[in-house]
Protein backbone atom coordinates (compact mmCIF):
# COMPACT_ATOMS: atom_id res chain seq x y z
CA MET A 1 119.99 103.97 82.33
CA ASP A 2 120.22 106.46 79.50
CA THR A 3 119.67 110.19 79.93
CA ASN A 4 116.38 110.25 78.00
CA ARG A 5 114.88 107.58 80.24
CA LYS A 6 116.05 109.44 83.36
CA LYS A 7 114.46 112.63 82.05
CA GLU A 8 111.18 110.80 81.33
CA LEU A 9 111.08 109.36 84.83
CA LYS A 10 111.93 112.71 86.39
CA ASP A 11 109.21 114.49 84.39
CA ALA A 12 106.67 111.80 85.28
CA TYR A 13 107.52 112.20 88.97
CA LYS A 14 107.19 115.99 88.82
CA SER A 15 103.85 115.83 86.99
CA ARG A 16 102.21 113.24 89.28
CA LYS A 17 99.18 114.28 91.29
CA VAL A 18 100.17 114.91 94.89
CA VAL A 19 97.63 113.63 97.41
CA GLY A 20 97.90 114.36 101.11
CA GLY A 21 95.53 114.13 104.01
CA ILE A 22 94.86 112.41 107.29
CA CYS A 23 95.68 108.78 107.96
CA SER A 24 95.73 106.52 110.98
CA ILE A 25 97.64 103.56 112.29
CA ARG A 26 95.53 101.32 114.52
CA CYS A 27 96.49 98.49 116.83
CA SER A 28 93.64 95.99 117.09
CA GLY A 29 95.19 94.44 120.21
CA SER A 30 95.10 97.59 122.33
CA GLN A 31 92.65 99.66 120.25
CA ASN A 32 95.20 102.50 120.26
CA VAL A 33 95.08 104.78 117.22
CA LYS A 34 97.67 107.24 115.98
CA VAL A 35 96.22 109.91 113.67
CA GLN A 36 98.70 111.67 111.39
CA ALA A 37 98.75 114.44 108.82
CA THR A 38 100.78 113.85 105.68
CA THR A 39 101.44 115.63 102.41
CA ASP A 40 102.02 112.24 100.75
CA ILE A 41 99.43 109.54 101.49
CA GLU A 42 101.08 106.95 99.23
CA GLY A 43 104.47 107.55 100.82
CA SER A 44 102.96 107.06 104.29
CA ARG A 45 101.22 103.87 103.17
CA ASN A 46 104.47 102.57 101.66
CA ARG A 47 106.42 103.35 104.85
CA PHE A 48 103.80 101.52 106.92
CA ASN A 49 103.85 98.49 104.61
CA PHE A 50 107.65 98.43 104.71
CA ALA A 51 107.59 98.59 108.52
CA VAL A 52 105.22 95.62 108.65
CA LEU A 53 107.32 93.71 106.12
CA THR A 54 110.54 94.29 108.06
CA ASP A 55 108.86 94.03 111.49
CA THR A 56 109.95 97.50 112.57
CA CYS A 57 107.52 99.76 114.40
CA PRO A 58 106.32 102.59 112.11
CA ASP A 59 105.78 105.03 114.99
CA PRO A 60 107.89 105.23 118.17
CA SER A 61 104.85 106.10 120.30
CA MET A 62 103.33 102.70 119.41
CA ARG A 63 106.45 100.63 120.05
CA GLU A 64 105.12 99.02 123.24
CA ASP A 65 101.99 97.79 121.43
CA TRP A 66 104.13 96.67 118.48
CA LEU A 67 106.27 94.50 120.73
CA LYS A 68 103.28 93.16 122.69
CA TYR A 69 100.80 92.47 119.84
CA GLY A 70 103.06 92.16 116.79
CA SER A 71 102.88 93.69 113.33
CA LYS A 72 99.82 91.68 112.27
CA SER A 73 97.64 93.60 114.73
CA PHE A 74 98.40 96.94 113.05
CA SER A 75 96.53 98.49 110.15
CA PHE A 76 96.83 101.65 108.08
CA SER A 77 93.82 103.59 106.86
CA VAL A 78 93.18 106.87 105.09
CA LEU A 79 90.65 109.01 106.93
CA GLU A 80 90.53 111.88 104.47
CA GLU A 81 92.54 112.96 101.48
CA ILE A 82 92.96 116.15 99.51
CA LYS A 83 94.71 116.72 96.20
CA LYS A 84 97.22 119.47 95.72
CA SER A 85 96.03 121.87 93.04
CA ASP A 86 98.36 122.96 90.28
CA SER A 87 98.28 126.54 91.57
CA GLN A 88 99.16 125.64 95.18
CA THR A 89 102.66 125.98 96.54
CA ASP A 90 104.06 123.25 98.78
CA GLU A 91 103.68 125.60 101.76
CA GLU A 92 100.02 126.34 100.98
CA PHE A 93 99.33 122.63 100.59
CA SER A 94 101.02 121.89 103.94
CA LYS A 95 98.93 124.58 105.63
CA ASP A 96 95.73 123.05 104.20
CA ILE A 97 96.77 119.64 105.53
CA GLU A 98 97.50 121.15 108.97
CA ALA A 99 94.08 122.84 109.02
CA LEU A 100 92.45 119.51 108.20
CA TYR A 101 94.50 117.82 110.93
CA ASP A 102 93.35 120.45 113.46
CA ILE A 103 89.75 119.43 112.74
CA TYR A 104 90.58 115.79 113.51
CA ARG A 105 92.30 116.79 116.78
CA LEU A 106 89.31 118.74 118.09
CA PRO A 107 87.51 116.97 120.96
CA GLU A 108 84.00 115.84 120.14
C-alpha cells in the first residue's frame, strides 16, 4: 500500500464520528443480561459478532450460559448511544459514558 493511501485511511479513521454508549448482551436461554458501557459501540458490536462467529464467549461472566445454551441464544443490543463532540477530550467522553452507565445501574 502506498504512503498516500495509508495517509488517507489514517485521516479517515481520525475524522470518523466516535459513538459510545450503553449496550447489552442477552442470553435468551437463561434471560441473563450483561449491561456494559463502551466508548466505541461499533467496536463492541464487532467483537460480539466475532465471538459468535468463532463460538467464543464474549464475556467471561456469561461463560456458563454460553456453554449451556450456545452462541445462537445470545444477542447484542444498543440501549443508548451518545456521540463524542469535536470539543470533547477522550477523558471527558469516557466520564460522560460512565455517568450514563451509572444511571442504568441504579435500582428501579
